[in-house]
N, C-alpha and C. Protein backbone atom coordinates (compact mmCIF):
# COMPACT_ATOMS: atom_id res chain seq x y z
N MET A 1 8.67 -15.85 -54.93
CA MET A 1 8.95 -14.77 -55.85
C MET A 1 8.15 -13.51 -55.48
N ASN A 2 6.83 -13.68 -55.28
CA ASN A 2 5.99 -12.54 -54.91
C ASN A 2 6.40 -11.95 -53.57
N VAL A 3 6.87 -12.79 -52.65
CA VAL A 3 7.28 -12.31 -51.33
C VAL A 3 8.50 -11.41 -51.48
N LYS A 4 9.42 -11.77 -52.36
CA LYS A 4 10.62 -10.95 -52.57
C LYS A 4 10.25 -9.59 -53.16
N ILE A 5 9.33 -9.57 -54.09
CA ILE A 5 8.89 -8.32 -54.71
C ILE A 5 8.20 -7.44 -53.68
N LEU A 6 7.29 -8.04 -52.90
CA LEU A 6 6.61 -7.28 -51.85
C LEU A 6 7.60 -6.76 -50.82
N GLY A 7 8.59 -7.57 -50.48
CA GLY A 7 9.62 -7.14 -49.54
C GLY A 7 10.41 -5.97 -50.06
N ALA A 8 10.72 -5.99 -51.35
CA ALA A 8 11.46 -4.88 -51.96
C ALA A 8 10.63 -3.60 -51.94
N PHE A 9 9.34 -3.70 -52.26
CA PHE A 9 8.46 -2.53 -52.21
C PHE A 9 8.35 -1.99 -50.78
N ALA A 10 8.25 -2.89 -49.82
CA ALA A 10 8.15 -2.47 -48.43
C ALA A 10 9.41 -1.74 -47.99
N ALA A 11 10.57 -2.24 -48.41
CA ALA A 11 11.84 -1.59 -48.05
C ALA A 11 11.92 -0.21 -48.67
N VAL A 12 11.49 -0.06 -49.91
CA VAL A 12 11.52 1.24 -50.58
C VAL A 12 10.56 2.20 -49.87
N ALA A 13 9.37 1.72 -49.51
CA ALA A 13 8.40 2.57 -48.82
C ALA A 13 8.93 3.00 -47.46
N LEU A 14 9.59 2.09 -46.76
CA LEU A 14 10.16 2.43 -45.45
C LEU A 14 11.26 3.47 -45.59
N LEU A 15 12.12 3.31 -46.57
CA LEU A 15 13.18 4.28 -46.80
C LEU A 15 12.61 5.64 -47.17
N ALA A 16 11.57 5.64 -47.97
CA ALA A 16 10.95 6.91 -48.36
C ALA A 16 10.34 7.59 -47.14
N ALA A 17 9.71 6.82 -46.29
CA ALA A 17 9.11 7.39 -45.08
C ALA A 17 10.18 7.93 -44.14
N CYS A 18 11.31 7.24 -44.04
CA CYS A 18 12.38 7.68 -43.15
C CYS A 18 13.06 8.95 -43.66
N SER A 19 12.99 9.20 -44.95
CA SER A 19 13.66 10.38 -45.49
C SER A 19 12.85 11.66 -45.27
N ASP A 20 11.61 11.54 -44.83
CA ASP A 20 10.77 12.70 -44.55
C ASP A 20 11.11 13.24 -43.18
N ASN A 21 11.76 14.37 -43.10
CA ASN A 21 12.20 14.94 -41.83
C ASN A 21 11.07 15.55 -41.03
N THR A 22 9.91 15.73 -41.61
CA THR A 22 8.80 16.35 -40.87
C THR A 22 8.01 15.32 -40.08
N ALA A 23 8.18 14.05 -40.37
CA ALA A 23 7.44 13.02 -39.65
C ALA A 23 8.07 12.80 -38.28
N ALA A 24 7.22 12.49 -37.31
CA ALA A 24 7.73 12.16 -35.98
C ALA A 24 8.45 10.83 -36.09
N THR A 25 9.68 10.80 -35.66
CA THR A 25 10.41 9.55 -35.77
C THR A 25 10.38 8.80 -34.46
N ALA A 26 10.24 7.50 -34.59
CA ALA A 26 10.23 6.62 -33.43
C ALA A 26 11.67 6.36 -32.99
N GLY A 27 11.82 5.77 -31.81
CA GLY A 27 13.14 5.52 -31.25
C GLY A 27 13.99 4.61 -32.10
N ASN A 28 13.41 3.77 -32.92
CA ASN A 28 14.20 2.86 -33.73
C ASN A 28 14.50 3.43 -35.12
N GLY A 29 14.20 4.69 -35.36
CA GLY A 29 14.52 5.34 -36.62
C GLY A 29 13.41 5.27 -37.65
N ALA A 30 12.42 4.43 -37.46
CA ALA A 30 11.31 4.35 -38.40
C ALA A 30 10.31 5.45 -38.08
N SER A 31 9.60 5.87 -39.07
CA SER A 31 8.58 6.90 -38.86
C SER A 31 7.44 6.32 -38.04
N ALA A 32 7.07 7.02 -36.98
CA ALA A 32 5.97 6.54 -36.14
C ALA A 32 4.68 6.45 -36.94
N ALA A 33 4.47 7.43 -37.82
CA ALA A 33 3.26 7.42 -38.65
C ALA A 33 3.28 6.23 -39.59
N ALA A 34 4.44 5.94 -40.19
CA ALA A 34 4.54 4.82 -41.12
C ALA A 34 4.32 3.50 -40.39
N ALA A 35 4.73 3.43 -39.13
CA ALA A 35 4.56 2.22 -38.36
C ALA A 35 3.13 2.10 -37.81
N GLY A 36 2.34 3.17 -37.93
CA GLY A 36 0.97 3.15 -37.44
C GLY A 36 0.88 3.26 -35.92
N ILE A 37 1.93 3.76 -35.29
CA ILE A 37 1.96 3.88 -33.84
C ILE A 37 1.59 5.30 -33.44
N VAL A 38 0.61 5.42 -32.57
CA VAL A 38 0.17 6.72 -32.07
C VAL A 38 1.10 7.13 -30.94
N PRO A 39 1.73 8.30 -31.04
CA PRO A 39 2.60 8.76 -29.95
C PRO A 39 1.83 8.84 -28.62
N GLY A 40 2.45 8.34 -27.56
CA GLY A 40 1.83 8.35 -26.25
C GLY A 40 0.94 7.16 -25.96
N SER A 41 0.82 6.24 -26.91
CA SER A 41 -0.04 5.07 -26.74
C SER A 41 0.74 3.90 -26.12
N GLN A 42 0.02 2.86 -25.76
CA GLN A 42 0.65 1.63 -25.24
C GLN A 42 1.62 1.07 -26.27
N GLU A 43 1.22 1.11 -27.53
CA GLU A 43 2.09 0.59 -28.59
C GLU A 43 3.38 1.41 -28.68
N ASP A 44 3.29 2.71 -28.50
CA ASP A 44 4.46 3.58 -28.49
C ASP A 44 5.38 3.20 -27.33
N LEU A 45 4.81 3.00 -26.16
CA LEU A 45 5.59 2.60 -24.99
C LEU A 45 6.33 1.30 -25.26
N VAL A 46 5.63 0.30 -25.77
CA VAL A 46 6.23 -1.01 -26.03
C VAL A 46 7.32 -0.92 -27.09
N ALA A 47 7.02 -0.26 -28.22
CA ALA A 47 7.93 -0.24 -29.35
C ALA A 47 9.16 0.64 -29.14
N ASN A 48 9.00 1.74 -28.44
CA ASN A 48 10.08 2.73 -28.39
C ASN A 48 10.74 2.91 -27.04
N VAL A 49 10.14 2.33 -26.01
CA VAL A 49 10.66 2.52 -24.65
C VAL A 49 10.95 1.18 -23.98
N GLY A 50 9.98 0.28 -24.06
CA GLY A 50 10.04 -1.00 -23.36
C GLY A 50 9.05 -0.98 -22.22
N ASP A 51 8.27 -2.04 -22.10
CA ASP A 51 7.21 -2.06 -21.10
C ASP A 51 7.48 -3.01 -19.95
N ARG A 52 8.61 -3.76 -20.00
CA ARG A 52 8.82 -4.71 -18.92
C ARG A 52 10.23 -4.72 -18.37
N VAL A 53 10.28 -5.02 -17.08
CA VAL A 53 11.51 -5.14 -16.33
C VAL A 53 11.57 -6.57 -15.82
N PHE A 54 12.74 -7.19 -15.91
CA PHE A 54 12.88 -8.59 -15.50
C PHE A 54 13.65 -8.69 -14.18
N TYR A 55 13.32 -9.73 -13.42
CA TYR A 55 13.89 -9.93 -12.10
C TYR A 55 14.52 -11.32 -12.00
N ASP A 56 15.46 -11.44 -11.07
CA ASP A 56 16.06 -12.73 -10.77
C ASP A 56 15.12 -13.56 -9.90
N LEU A 57 15.40 -14.84 -9.82
CA LEU A 57 14.59 -15.77 -9.03
C LEU A 57 14.48 -15.31 -7.59
N ASN A 58 13.26 -15.22 -7.10
CA ASN A 58 12.94 -14.85 -5.72
C ASN A 58 13.46 -13.47 -5.33
N LYS A 59 13.66 -12.58 -6.29
CA LYS A 59 14.18 -11.24 -6.02
C LYS A 59 13.20 -10.19 -6.50
N SER A 60 13.27 -9.03 -5.84
CA SER A 60 12.49 -7.88 -6.29
C SER A 60 13.39 -6.67 -6.47
N SER A 61 14.70 -6.87 -6.39
CA SER A 61 15.63 -5.76 -6.59
C SER A 61 15.86 -5.55 -8.08
N LEU A 62 15.98 -4.28 -8.46
CA LEU A 62 16.15 -3.93 -9.87
C LEU A 62 17.57 -4.22 -10.33
N LYS A 63 17.67 -4.73 -11.54
CA LYS A 63 18.97 -4.97 -12.17
C LYS A 63 19.30 -3.76 -13.04
N THR A 64 20.52 -3.70 -13.53
CA THR A 64 20.98 -2.57 -14.34
C THR A 64 20.12 -2.37 -15.58
N ASP A 65 19.81 -3.45 -16.30
CA ASP A 65 18.99 -3.31 -17.51
C ASP A 65 17.57 -2.88 -17.17
N GLY A 66 17.05 -3.31 -16.03
CA GLY A 66 15.73 -2.87 -15.59
C GLY A 66 15.71 -1.38 -15.28
N LYS A 67 16.77 -0.89 -14.64
CA LYS A 67 16.85 0.53 -14.35
C LYS A 67 16.92 1.34 -15.64
N ALA A 68 17.62 0.84 -16.64
CA ALA A 68 17.70 1.54 -17.93
C ALA A 68 16.32 1.62 -18.58
N THR A 69 15.56 0.53 -18.51
CA THR A 69 14.20 0.54 -19.06
C THR A 69 13.33 1.54 -18.29
N LEU A 70 13.43 1.55 -16.98
CA LEU A 70 12.64 2.48 -16.18
C LEU A 70 13.07 3.93 -16.39
N ASP A 71 14.35 4.17 -16.65
CA ASP A 71 14.81 5.53 -17.00
C ASP A 71 14.10 6.01 -18.27
N ARG A 72 14.02 5.11 -19.27
CA ARG A 72 13.33 5.47 -20.52
C ARG A 72 11.83 5.68 -20.26
N GLN A 73 11.24 4.85 -19.40
CA GLN A 73 9.82 5.02 -19.07
C GLN A 73 9.59 6.35 -18.37
N ALA A 74 10.47 6.74 -17.46
CA ALA A 74 10.32 8.01 -16.75
C ALA A 74 10.37 9.18 -17.73
N ALA A 75 11.29 9.13 -18.68
CA ALA A 75 11.38 10.19 -19.70
C ALA A 75 10.12 10.20 -20.56
N TRP A 76 9.63 9.04 -20.93
CA TRP A 76 8.42 8.92 -21.74
C TRP A 76 7.22 9.48 -20.97
N LEU A 77 7.12 9.15 -19.70
CA LEU A 77 6.02 9.65 -18.88
C LEU A 77 6.11 11.16 -18.68
N ALA A 78 7.32 11.71 -18.64
CA ALA A 78 7.47 13.16 -18.56
C ALA A 78 6.98 13.82 -19.85
N LYS A 79 7.22 13.16 -20.96
CA LYS A 79 6.80 13.69 -22.26
C LYS A 79 5.28 13.59 -22.43
N TYR A 80 4.69 12.53 -21.92
CA TYR A 80 3.25 12.30 -22.05
C TYR A 80 2.61 12.39 -20.66
N ALA A 81 2.58 13.60 -20.13
CA ALA A 81 2.11 13.84 -18.77
C ALA A 81 0.64 13.50 -18.56
N GLN A 82 -0.12 13.35 -19.63
CA GLN A 82 -1.53 13.00 -19.51
C GLN A 82 -1.73 11.51 -19.23
N ASN A 83 -0.69 10.71 -19.41
CA ASN A 83 -0.82 9.26 -19.25
C ASN A 83 -0.58 8.82 -17.82
N ASN A 84 -1.42 7.92 -17.37
CA ASN A 84 -1.23 7.20 -16.12
C ASN A 84 -0.87 5.77 -16.49
N VAL A 85 -0.20 5.08 -15.59
CA VAL A 85 0.21 3.71 -15.88
C VAL A 85 -0.13 2.78 -14.72
N GLN A 86 -0.20 1.51 -15.05
CA GLN A 86 -0.32 0.45 -14.06
C GLN A 86 0.88 -0.45 -14.22
N ILE A 87 1.49 -0.83 -13.11
CA ILE A 87 2.62 -1.75 -13.14
C ILE A 87 2.15 -3.05 -12.52
N ALA A 88 2.24 -4.14 -13.29
CA ALA A 88 1.80 -5.46 -12.83
C ALA A 88 3.02 -6.32 -12.54
N GLY A 89 3.12 -6.79 -11.30
CA GLY A 89 4.21 -7.67 -10.91
C GLY A 89 3.83 -9.11 -11.18
N ASN A 90 4.77 -9.86 -11.74
CA ASN A 90 4.51 -11.25 -12.11
C ASN A 90 5.65 -12.15 -11.65
N CYS A 91 5.34 -13.43 -11.54
CA CYS A 91 6.30 -14.43 -11.08
C CYS A 91 6.23 -15.66 -11.98
N ASP A 92 7.24 -16.53 -11.84
CA ASP A 92 7.15 -17.80 -12.55
C ASP A 92 6.26 -18.75 -11.76
N GLU A 93 6.07 -19.94 -12.26
CA GLU A 93 5.07 -20.86 -11.69
C GLU A 93 5.51 -21.54 -10.40
N ARG A 94 6.76 -21.39 -10.04
CA ARG A 94 7.25 -22.05 -8.82
C ARG A 94 6.84 -21.25 -7.59
N GLY A 95 6.66 -21.91 -6.48
CA GLY A 95 6.27 -21.26 -5.23
C GLY A 95 4.77 -21.29 -5.04
N THR A 96 4.36 -20.96 -3.82
CA THR A 96 2.93 -20.98 -3.50
C THR A 96 2.26 -19.73 -4.07
N GLU A 97 0.96 -19.78 -4.14
CA GLU A 97 0.18 -18.64 -4.63
C GLU A 97 0.42 -17.42 -3.75
N GLU A 98 0.38 -17.62 -2.44
CA GLU A 98 0.57 -16.51 -1.49
C GLU A 98 1.95 -15.88 -1.64
N TYR A 99 2.97 -16.71 -1.73
CA TYR A 99 4.34 -16.21 -1.86
C TYR A 99 4.48 -15.40 -3.15
N ASN A 100 3.95 -15.93 -4.25
CA ASN A 100 4.10 -15.25 -5.55
C ASN A 100 3.29 -13.97 -5.63
N ILE A 101 2.13 -13.91 -5.00
CA ILE A 101 1.37 -12.65 -4.97
C ILE A 101 2.19 -11.59 -4.24
N ALA A 102 2.77 -11.95 -3.10
CA ALA A 102 3.58 -10.99 -2.33
C ALA A 102 4.84 -10.59 -3.11
N LEU A 103 5.49 -11.54 -3.74
CA LEU A 103 6.70 -11.23 -4.52
C LEU A 103 6.36 -10.35 -5.73
N GLY A 104 5.26 -10.65 -6.41
CA GLY A 104 4.82 -9.83 -7.53
C GLY A 104 4.53 -8.40 -7.10
N GLN A 105 3.94 -8.24 -5.91
CA GLN A 105 3.66 -6.90 -5.40
C GLN A 105 4.96 -6.15 -5.10
N ARG A 106 5.95 -6.85 -4.54
CA ARG A 106 7.25 -6.21 -4.27
C ARG A 106 7.92 -5.79 -5.57
N ARG A 107 7.79 -6.60 -6.61
CA ARG A 107 8.39 -6.25 -7.91
C ARG A 107 7.71 -5.03 -8.51
N ALA A 108 6.39 -4.99 -8.47
CA ALA A 108 5.66 -3.83 -8.99
C ALA A 108 6.02 -2.58 -8.19
N ALA A 109 6.11 -2.72 -6.86
CA ALA A 109 6.45 -1.59 -6.01
C ALA A 109 7.87 -1.09 -6.28
N ALA A 110 8.80 -2.00 -6.54
CA ALA A 110 10.17 -1.59 -6.83
C ALA A 110 10.22 -0.75 -8.11
N SER A 111 9.48 -1.16 -9.11
CA SER A 111 9.43 -0.38 -10.36
C SER A 111 8.76 0.97 -10.12
N ARG A 112 7.64 0.96 -9.41
CA ARG A 112 6.94 2.21 -9.09
C ARG A 112 7.84 3.16 -8.31
N ASP A 113 8.50 2.66 -7.29
CA ASP A 113 9.35 3.50 -6.45
C ASP A 113 10.50 4.11 -7.26
N TYR A 114 11.04 3.35 -8.20
CA TYR A 114 12.11 3.87 -9.04
C TYR A 114 11.59 5.01 -9.92
N LEU A 115 10.42 4.82 -10.53
CA LEU A 115 9.84 5.87 -11.37
C LEU A 115 9.53 7.12 -10.55
N VAL A 116 9.02 6.94 -9.35
CA VAL A 116 8.72 8.09 -8.48
C VAL A 116 10.02 8.82 -8.13
N ALA A 117 11.08 8.07 -7.85
CA ALA A 117 12.38 8.70 -7.55
C ALA A 117 12.92 9.46 -8.75
N LYS A 118 12.50 9.09 -9.96
CA LYS A 118 12.92 9.78 -11.18
C LYS A 118 12.00 10.94 -11.53
N GLY A 119 11.01 11.24 -10.67
CA GLY A 119 10.19 12.43 -10.87
C GLY A 119 8.78 12.19 -11.35
N VAL A 120 8.37 10.94 -11.54
CA VAL A 120 7.00 10.65 -11.95
C VAL A 120 6.11 10.73 -10.71
N ALA A 121 5.01 11.45 -10.80
CA ALA A 121 4.09 11.59 -9.66
C ALA A 121 3.52 10.23 -9.27
N ALA A 122 3.56 9.92 -8.00
CA ALA A 122 3.05 8.65 -7.50
C ALA A 122 1.57 8.46 -7.83
N THR A 123 0.84 9.56 -7.94
CA THR A 123 -0.59 9.49 -8.24
C THR A 123 -0.87 9.00 -9.66
N ARG A 124 0.15 9.00 -10.50
CA ARG A 124 -0.02 8.54 -11.89
C ARG A 124 0.23 7.04 -12.04
N ILE A 125 0.63 6.37 -10.96
CA ILE A 125 1.04 4.97 -11.04
C ILE A 125 0.22 4.12 -10.07
N THR A 126 -0.38 3.06 -10.58
CA THR A 126 -1.00 2.06 -9.72
C THR A 126 -0.23 0.76 -9.89
N THR A 127 -0.33 -0.09 -8.89
CA THR A 127 0.35 -1.40 -8.97
C THR A 127 -0.65 -2.51 -8.70
N ILE A 128 -0.31 -3.67 -9.23
CA ILE A 128 -1.10 -4.87 -8.99
C ILE A 128 -0.15 -6.06 -9.09
N SER A 129 -0.47 -7.12 -8.39
CA SER A 129 0.31 -8.35 -8.50
C SER A 129 -0.58 -9.45 -9.04
N TYR A 130 -0.08 -10.13 -10.05
CA TYR A 130 -0.78 -11.30 -10.57
C TYR A 130 -0.11 -12.59 -10.13
N GLY A 131 0.98 -12.47 -9.37
CA GLY A 131 1.67 -13.68 -8.92
C GLY A 131 2.07 -14.51 -10.12
N LYS A 132 1.65 -15.77 -10.10
CA LYS A 132 1.98 -16.68 -11.20
C LYS A 132 0.79 -16.91 -12.13
N ASP A 133 -0.26 -16.09 -11.99
CA ASP A 133 -1.50 -16.33 -12.73
C ASP A 133 -1.52 -15.86 -14.18
N ARG A 134 -0.58 -15.00 -14.57
CA ARG A 134 -0.57 -14.47 -15.94
C ARG A 134 0.81 -14.60 -16.58
N PRO A 135 1.21 -15.82 -16.88
CA PRO A 135 2.54 -16.00 -17.49
C PRO A 135 2.59 -15.40 -18.90
N THR A 136 3.72 -14.81 -19.23
CA THR A 136 3.91 -14.28 -20.58
C THR A 136 4.55 -15.31 -21.50
N ALA A 137 5.22 -16.27 -20.90
CA ALA A 137 5.84 -17.35 -21.68
C ALA A 137 5.37 -18.68 -21.11
N LEU A 138 4.97 -19.58 -21.98
CA LEU A 138 4.51 -20.88 -21.54
C LEU A 138 5.70 -21.84 -21.48
N GLY A 139 5.65 -22.74 -20.53
CA GLY A 139 6.70 -23.72 -20.40
C GLY A 139 7.18 -23.82 -18.97
N SER A 140 7.75 -24.96 -18.66
CA SER A 140 8.29 -25.20 -17.32
C SER A 140 9.79 -25.41 -17.43
N ASN A 141 10.46 -24.37 -17.91
CA ASN A 141 11.91 -24.41 -18.05
C ASN A 141 12.47 -23.03 -17.72
N GLU A 142 13.78 -22.95 -17.56
CA GLU A 142 14.39 -21.69 -17.11
C GLU A 142 14.13 -20.53 -18.08
N ALA A 143 14.09 -20.81 -19.38
CA ALA A 143 13.84 -19.73 -20.35
C ALA A 143 12.45 -19.12 -20.13
N ALA A 144 11.45 -19.95 -19.91
CA ALA A 144 10.10 -19.45 -19.65
C ALA A 144 10.03 -18.77 -18.29
N TYR A 145 10.66 -19.39 -17.29
CA TYR A 145 10.65 -18.79 -15.95
C TYR A 145 11.24 -17.38 -15.99
N ALA A 146 12.35 -17.21 -16.69
CA ALA A 146 13.03 -15.90 -16.75
C ALA A 146 12.13 -14.84 -17.38
N GLN A 147 11.34 -15.21 -18.39
CA GLN A 147 10.43 -14.25 -19.03
C GLN A 147 9.25 -13.90 -18.13
N ASN A 148 8.86 -14.82 -17.27
CA ASN A 148 7.69 -14.62 -16.41
C ASN A 148 8.00 -13.86 -15.12
N ARG A 149 9.26 -13.70 -14.78
CA ARG A 149 9.65 -12.93 -13.59
C ARG A 149 9.81 -11.48 -14.01
N ASN A 150 8.71 -10.72 -13.99
CA ASN A 150 8.74 -9.37 -14.56
C ASN A 150 7.78 -8.42 -13.86
N ALA A 151 7.91 -7.17 -14.24
CA ALA A 151 6.92 -6.14 -13.92
C ALA A 151 6.62 -5.46 -15.26
N ILE A 152 5.35 -5.44 -15.62
CA ILE A 152 4.91 -4.91 -16.92
C ILE A 152 4.16 -3.60 -16.71
N THR A 153 4.59 -2.57 -17.42
CA THR A 153 3.95 -1.25 -17.35
C THR A 153 2.93 -1.13 -18.48
N SER A 154 1.72 -0.73 -18.13
CA SER A 154 0.65 -0.54 -19.12
C SER A 154 0.04 0.85 -18.97
N VAL A 155 -0.26 1.45 -20.11
CA VAL A 155 -0.91 2.77 -20.11
C VAL A 155 -2.36 2.60 -19.71
N ARG A 156 -2.84 3.46 -18.83
CA ARG A 156 -4.24 3.41 -18.35
C ARG A 156 -4.98 4.64 -18.76
């Protein structure tokens, strides 16, 4: 019962915040201030742009959805020119450590090269490969593997 009442109050507060045209609005229509997200922050990047690009098994070529995410990142980086980023390439748990470090580096480089081609200064982007050492999803199944084959952009 209390959860329903709190939910109703939260919905009213959200609607009231969205009706204020002077507030900076986030990409999902909610007020950035109401969401507590600082424009130009890592949280802003994650919530309103997307911070990761996913890859196919043993591939470092960008897919259509990855290019769309990087297009949004390039626009965001143009808006927040003071921000530098690091792109971390990651792999699933299969393969040797050496192979996955090299593949992760190719994935990070592919994302970096795409952003540079979209006008982001190369000096604003660093890359690193974690290979299979930093999985984002736990498990030894295709769903977890697919989440772990990525390049993650972080504000530095």
